[in-house]
Amino acid sequence: MKRKLITILIVLLVAAGAVALLKKRQNQLAEAPVAKVLPVVVEAFVPTPQQVTLTLPAMGVVSSDRSTVLSTKISGRITRIVKQEGE
């Protein structure tokens, strides 16, 4: 019984302390100075018609539809290729 009474008293003291702190904080906020409204600096200009080039940056992979595998039927070393690229 005594323990229950002490627990109730502690809870009431904590609640009273919380209410007191909230009221103190509200008073501090009420006494705080009001923030000034400062003017906004704006730069203005008259738009003129101009030609604009639009670009779109993109990333991708370039691959060919056709591919060729160069290999020999017998083992050996290639010493030269007599065909030129594109022939």
C-alpha atoms as a PDB file:
ATOM      1  CA  MET A   1       0.000   0.000   0.000  1.00  0.00           C
ATOM      2  CA  LYS A   2       2.798   2.391   0.973  1.00  0.00           C
ATOM      3  CA  ARG A   3       4.726   1.512  -2.180  1.00  0.00           C
ATOM      4  CA  LYS A   4       1.688   2.210  -4.364  1.00  0.00           C
ATOM      5  CA  LEU A   5       1.224   5.617  -2.712  1.00  0.00           C
ATOM      6  CA  ILE A   6       4.872   6.552  -3.332  1.00  0.00           C
ATOM      7  CA  THR A   7       4.566   5.501  -7.006  1.00  0.00           C
ATOM      8  CA  ILE A   8       1.451   7.643  -7.460  1.00  0.00           C
ATOM      9  CA  LEU A   9       3.187  10.634  -5.817  1.00  0.00           C
ATOM     10  CA  ILE A  10       6.235  10.278  -8.104  1.00  0.00           C
ATOM     11  CA  VAL A  11       4.012  10.115 -11.199  1.00  0.00           C
ATOM     12  CA  LEU A  12       2.096  13.211 -10.061  1.00  0.00           C
ATOM     13  CA  LEU A  13       5.349  15.119  -9.384  1.00  0.00           C
ATOM     14  CA  VAL A  14       6.713  14.227 -12.837  1.00  0.00           C
ATOM     15  CA  ALA A  15       3.454  15.299 -14.476  1.00  0.00           C
ATOM     16  CA  ALA A  16       3.415  18.592 -12.539  1.00  0.00           C
ATOM     17  CA  GLY A  17       7.030  19.240 -13.521  1.00  0.00           C
ATOM     18  CA  ALA A  18       6.233  18.588 -17.192  1.00  0.00           C
ATOM     19  CA  VAL A  19       3.283  20.999 -17.086  1.00  0.00           C
ATOM     20  CA  ALA A  20       5.458  23.665 -15.397  1.00  0.00           C
ATOM     21  CA  LEU A  21       8.178  23.283 -18.048  1.00  0.00           C
ATOM     22  CA  LEU A  22       5.631  23.555 -20.870  1.00  0.00           C
ATOM     23  CA  LYS A  23       4.139  26.750 -19.404  1.00  0.00           C
ATOM     24  CA  LYS A  24       7.635  28.221 -18.960  1.00  0.00           C
ATOM     25  CA  ARG A  25       8.495  27.412 -22.586  1.00  0.00           C
ATOM     26  CA  GLN A  26       5.248  28.984 -23.819  1.00  0.00           C
ATOM     27  CA  ASN A  27       6.035  32.174 -21.869  1.00  0.00           C
ATOM     28  CA  GLN A  28       9.555  32.290 -23.360  1.00  0.00           C
ATOM     29  CA  LEU A  29       8.163  31.930 -26.871  1.00  0.00           C
ATOM     30  CA  ALA A  30       5.561  34.640 -26.219  1.00  0.00           C
ATOM     31  CA  GLU A  31       8.268  37.065 -25.031  1.00  0.00           C
ATOM     32  CA  ALA A  32      10.604  36.324 -27.953  1.00  0.00           C
ATOM     33  CA  PRO A  33      10.945  39.156 -30.484  1.00  0.00           C
ATOM     34  CA  VAL A  34       9.032  38.801 -33.733  1.00  0.00           C
ATOM     35  CA  ALA A  35      11.205  38.005 -36.731  1.00  0.00           C
ATOM     36  CA  LYS A  36      11.681  40.871 -39.162  1.00  0.00           C
ATOM     37  CA  VAL A  37      10.341  40.569 -42.676  1.00  0.00           C
ATOM     38  CA  LEU A  38      13.244  41.518 -44.904  1.00  0.00           C
ATOM     39  CA  PRO A  39      12.761  42.651 -48.504  1.00  0.00           C
ATOM     40  CA  VAL A  40      13.777  40.274 -51.244  1.00  0.00           C
ATOM     41  CA  VAL A  41      16.296  41.568 -53.789  1.00  0.00           C
ATOM     42  CA  VAL A  42      15.267  40.624 -57.329  1.00  0.00           C
ATOM     43  CA  GLU A  43      17.142  41.260 -60.561  1.00  0.00           C
ATOM     44  CA  ALA A  44      14.932  41.663 -63.624  1.00  0.00           C
ATOM     45  CA  PHE A  45      15.731  41.823 -67.330  1.00  0.00           C
ATOM     46  CA  VAL A  46      13.828  42.041 -70.578  1.00  0.00           C
ATOM     47  CA  PRO A  47      13.970  38.775 -72.536  1.00  0.00           C
ATOM     48  CA  THR A  48      15.035  38.928 -76.175  1.00  0.00           C
ATOM     49  CA  PRO A  49      14.430  36.273 -78.834  1.00  0.00           C
ATOM     50  CA  GLN A  50      17.528  34.128 -79.443  1.00  0.00           C
ATOM     51  CA  GLN A  51      18.328  30.877 -81.155  1.00  0.00           C
ATOM     52  CA  VAL A  52      18.778  28.078 -78.649  1.00  0.00           C
ATOM     53  CA  THR A  53      20.420  24.719 -79.303  1.00  0.00           C
ATOM     54  CA  LEU A  54      18.853  22.023 -77.201  1.00  0.00           C
ATOM     55  CA  THR A  55      21.013  19.090 -76.184  1.00  0.00           C
ATOM     56  CA  LEU A  56      20.172  16.006 -74.202  1.00  0.00           C
ATOM     57  CA  PRO A  57      23.040  14.279 -72.426  1.00  0.00           C
ATOM     58  CA  ALA A  58      22.667  10.508 -72.535  1.00  0.00           C
ATOM     59  CA  MET A  59      24.753   7.443 -71.870  1.00  0.00           C
ATOM     60  CA  GLY A  60      24.608   4.321 -73.980  1.00  0.00           C
ATOM     61  CA  VAL A  61      26.456   1.535 -75.740  1.00  0.00           C
ATOM     62  CA  VAL A  62      27.126   1.492 -79.490  1.00  0.00           C
ATOM     63  CA  SER A  63      27.107  -1.976 -81.040  1.00  0.00           C
ATOM     64  CA  SER A  64      27.022  -3.308 -84.570  1.00  0.00           C
ATOM     65  CA  ASP A  65      24.243  -5.461 -86.034  1.00  0.00           C
ATOM     66  CA  ARG A  66      26.823  -7.571 -87.826  1.00  0.00           C
ATOM     67  CA  SER A  67      30.038  -9.046 -86.465  1.00  0.00           C
ATOM     68  CA  THR A  68      32.852 -11.152 -87.850  1.00  0.00           C
ATOM     69  CA  VAL A  69      35.024 -13.735 -86.198  1.00  0.00           C
ATOM     70  CA  LEU A  70      38.456 -14.143 -87.773  1.00  0.00           C
ATOM     71  CA  SER A  71      39.998 -17.543 -87.115  1.00  0.00           C
ATOM     72  CA  THR A  72      42.119 -20.133 -88.871  1.00  0.00           C
ATOM     73  CA  LYS A  73      41.300 -23.763 -89.520  1.00  0.00           C
ATOM     74  CA  ILE A  74      44.866 -24.767 -88.784  1.00  0.00           C
ATOM     75  CA  SER A  75      47.124 -23.516 -86.043  1.00  0.00           C
ATOM     76  CA  GLY A  76      49.745 -20.990 -87.035  1.00  0.00           C
ATOM     77  CA  ARG A  77      50.762 -17.341 -86.849  1.00  0.00           C
ATOM     78  CA  ILE A  78      49.316 -14.577 -89.014  1.00  0.00           C
ATOM     79  CA  THR A  79      52.205 -12.547 -90.399  1.00  0.00           C
ATOM     80  CA  ARG A  80      50.202 -10.097 -92.522  1.00  0.00           C
ATOM     81  CA  ILE A  81      46.683  -9.309 -93.749  1.00  0.00           C
ATOM     82  CA  VAL A  82      46.484  -8.227 -97.385  1.00  0.00           C
ATOM     83  CA  LYS A  83      42.925  -6.870 -97.172  1.00  0.00           C
ATOM     84  CA  GLN A  84      42.287  -3.344 -95.995  1.00  0.00           C
ATOM     85  CA  GLU A  85      39.533  -2.332 -93.622  1.00  0.00           C
ATOM     86  CA  GLY A  86      36.252  -1.855 -95.499  1.00  0.00           C
ATOM     87  CA  GLU A  87      37.095  -4.079 -98.492  1.00  0.00           C
END
